[in-house]
Amino acid sequence: MAATGAERRPVVLVVAVALIDADGRVLLAQRPEGKMMAGLWEFPGGKVQPGETPEAALIRELKEELGIDVSEACLAPLTFASHRYEGFHLLMPLYVCRRWSGTVAAQEGQALAWARPHTLDRYAMPPADKPLVAMLRDLL
């Protein structure tokens, strides 16, 4: 069934990563004040710019947000989220990364947390991120 004009929303492509450390913990970042859904915890990443691949966007975002360098070869696609928000539809591939260079540090004042896979559901997350938790737990 085709969507009617009232149901159509722009599709926003956002890319995210589950950074997994040597202890099997996953990095979460808290959305800072002033941003939509401030205070919620999410997988690091961001919007894919026009003409940019999801992998290139993720490499750029990780450098900007966390100060780390990631090689495209170290990004493994795991799953994706497709979620309708008010005013837009989010499509978000989730990658897994276990290798990077540099030390993870908040570059934009956001809080960071390394969480054990079985504790991920204790963090308040945006609706699009929540279904990704089960897939990640199954992997780890």
Protein backbone atom coordinates (compact mmCIF):
# COMPACT_ATOMS: atom_id res chain seq x y z
CA MET A 1 0.00 0.00 0.00
CA ALA A 2 1.44 3.37 -1.00
CA ALA A 3 1.89 6.00 1.65
CA THR A 4 -0.41 8.98 1.46
CA GLY A 5 0.96 12.50 1.52
CA ALA A 6 0.03 12.81 5.20
CA GLU A 7 2.10 9.71 6.05
CA ARG A 8 5.19 10.69 4.08
CA ARG A 9 8.15 11.89 6.07
CA PRO A 10 11.70 12.71 5.00
CA VAL A 11 14.09 9.81 5.57
CA VAL A 12 17.13 10.77 7.64
CA LEU A 13 20.17 8.50 7.35
CA VAL A 14 22.15 8.29 10.57
CA VAL A 15 24.97 5.84 11.26
CA ALA A 16 25.95 4.40 14.65
CA VAL A 17 28.60 2.11 16.09
CA ALA A 18 28.92 -0.26 19.00
CA LEU A 19 32.51 0.28 20.12
CA ILE A 20 33.51 -2.82 22.05
CA ASP A 21 36.54 -2.72 24.32
CA ALA A 22 38.89 -5.57 25.28
CA ASP A 23 36.65 -6.37 28.28
CA GLY A 24 33.55 -6.79 26.07
CA ARG A 25 31.95 -3.53 27.21
CA VAL A 26 30.02 -1.27 24.83
CA LEU A 27 30.42 2.51 24.70
CA LEU A 28 27.34 4.68 25.13
CA ALA A 29 27.20 8.45 24.82
CA GLN A 30 24.63 10.68 26.51
CA ARG A 31 22.92 13.24 24.30
CA PRO A 32 23.93 16.68 25.59
CA GLU A 33 21.59 19.45 26.71
CA GLY A 34 20.17 21.47 23.84
CA LYS A 35 19.92 18.50 21.47
CA MET A 36 16.75 16.62 20.65
CA MET A 37 16.27 13.79 23.18
CA ALA A 38 18.86 15.32 25.54
CA GLY A 39 19.86 13.06 28.43
CA LEU A 40 19.20 9.80 26.59
CA TRP A 41 22.00 7.32 25.97
CA GLU A 42 22.88 6.23 22.44
CA PHE A 43 25.48 4.48 20.35
CA PRO A 44 28.01 7.02 19.01
CA GLY A 45 27.60 8.21 15.44
CA GLY A 46 25.73 10.85 13.50
CA LYS A 47 24.13 12.02 10.29
CA VAL A 48 25.44 10.91 6.93
CA GLN A 49 26.14 13.98 4.78
CA PRO A 50 25.10 14.12 1.09
CA GLY A 51 27.56 12.15 -1.03
CA GLU A 52 29.14 10.51 2.05
CA THR A 53 29.15 6.75 2.65
CA PRO A 54 27.91 5.49 6.03
CA GLU A 55 31.43 4.23 6.81
CA ALA A 56 33.05 7.58 5.98
CA ALA A 57 30.43 9.37 8.09
CA LEU A 58 31.13 7.08 11.03
CA ILE A 59 34.89 7.55 10.75
CA ARG A 60 34.37 11.34 10.67
CA GLU A 61 31.90 11.35 13.57
CA LEU A 62 34.12 9.16 15.78
CA LYS A 63 37.04 11.54 15.24
CA GLU A 64 34.86 14.60 15.98
CA GLU A 65 32.93 13.15 18.96
CA LEU A 66 35.45 10.83 20.60
CA GLY A 67 38.88 11.80 19.24
CA ILE A 68 39.64 8.31 17.90
CA ASP A 69 40.72 7.08 14.48
CA VAL A 70 38.94 4.09 12.96
CA SER A 71 39.77 2.25 9.77
CA GLU A 72 36.91 1.29 7.46
CA ALA A 73 38.22 -2.31 7.56
CA CYS A 74 37.48 -2.37 11.32
CA LEU A 75 33.78 -1.50 10.87
CA ALA A 76 31.53 -4.56 10.61
CA PRO A 77 27.83 -4.00 9.82
CA LEU A 78 25.58 -5.74 12.36
CA THR A 79 21.99 -4.61 11.91
CA PHE A 80 19.90 -1.48 11.39
CA ALA A 81 17.02 0.44 12.91
CA SER A 82 14.11 1.90 10.98
CA HIS A 83 11.97 4.14 13.16
CA ARG A 84 9.25 6.72 12.55
CA TYR A 85 9.66 9.86 14.61
CA GLU A 86 7.41 12.91 14.55
CA GLY A 87 8.29 14.72 11.34
CA PHE A 88 10.88 12.29 9.90
CA HIS A 89 11.77 8.63 9.49
CA LEU A 90 15.15 7.47 10.78
CA LEU A 91 17.20 4.79 9.05
CA MET A 92 20.24 3.86 11.14
CA PRO A 93 22.78 1.16 10.27
CA LEU A 94 24.66 -0.13 13.34
CA TYR A 95 28.25 -1.23 12.95
CA VAL A 96 30.50 -3.05 15.41
CA CYS A 97 34.09 -1.91 15.97
CA ARG A 98 36.66 -3.58 18.23
CA ARG A 99 39.80 -1.78 17.00
CA TRP A 100 40.65 1.92 16.93
CA SER A 101 43.62 4.13 17.62
CA GLY A 102 43.67 6.83 20.24
CA THR A 103 41.95 7.10 23.59
CA VAL A 104 38.17 7.48 23.72
CA ALA A 105 37.40 10.91 25.20
CA ALA A 106 34.32 13.10 24.99
CA GLN A 107 35.14 15.92 22.56
CA GLU A 108 31.73 17.64 22.77
CA GLY A 109 31.10 17.61 26.52
CA GLN A 110 28.89 14.52 26.39
CA ALA A 111 28.93 11.93 29.17
CA LEU A 112 30.31 8.52 28.20
CA ALA A 113 29.73 5.10 29.76
CA TRP A 114 31.25 1.69 29.09
CA ALA A 115 28.40 -0.75 29.70
CA ARG A 116 28.30 -4.53 29.96
CA PRO A 117 25.98 -6.02 27.31
CA HIS A 118 23.55 -7.37 29.94
CA THR A 119 23.17 -3.87 31.46
CA LEU A 120 22.44 -1.96 28.23
CA ASP A 121 18.67 -2.04 28.79
CA ARG A 122 19.16 -0.09 32.06
CA TYR A 123 20.10 3.02 30.06
CA ALA A 124 17.29 5.29 28.82
CA MET A 125 17.70 5.34 25.03
CA PRO A 126 15.98 6.94 22.04
CA PRO A 127 13.27 4.65 20.62
CA ALA A 128 15.35 3.81 17.51
CA ASP A 129 18.30 2.55 19.61
CA LYS A 130 16.33 0.23 21.91
CA PRO A 131 15.76 -2.64 19.42
CA LEU A 132 19.48 -2.71 18.63
CA VAL A 133 20.33 -3.76 22.19
CA ALA A 134 18.98 -7.32 21.82
CA MET A 135 20.96 -7.87 18.60
CA LEU A 136 24.11 -6.62 20.28
CA ARG A 137 23.59 -8.80 23.36
CA ASP A 138 23.16 -11.84 21.09
CA LEU A 139 26.46 -11.03 19.37
CA LEU A 140 28.37 -10.58 22.63
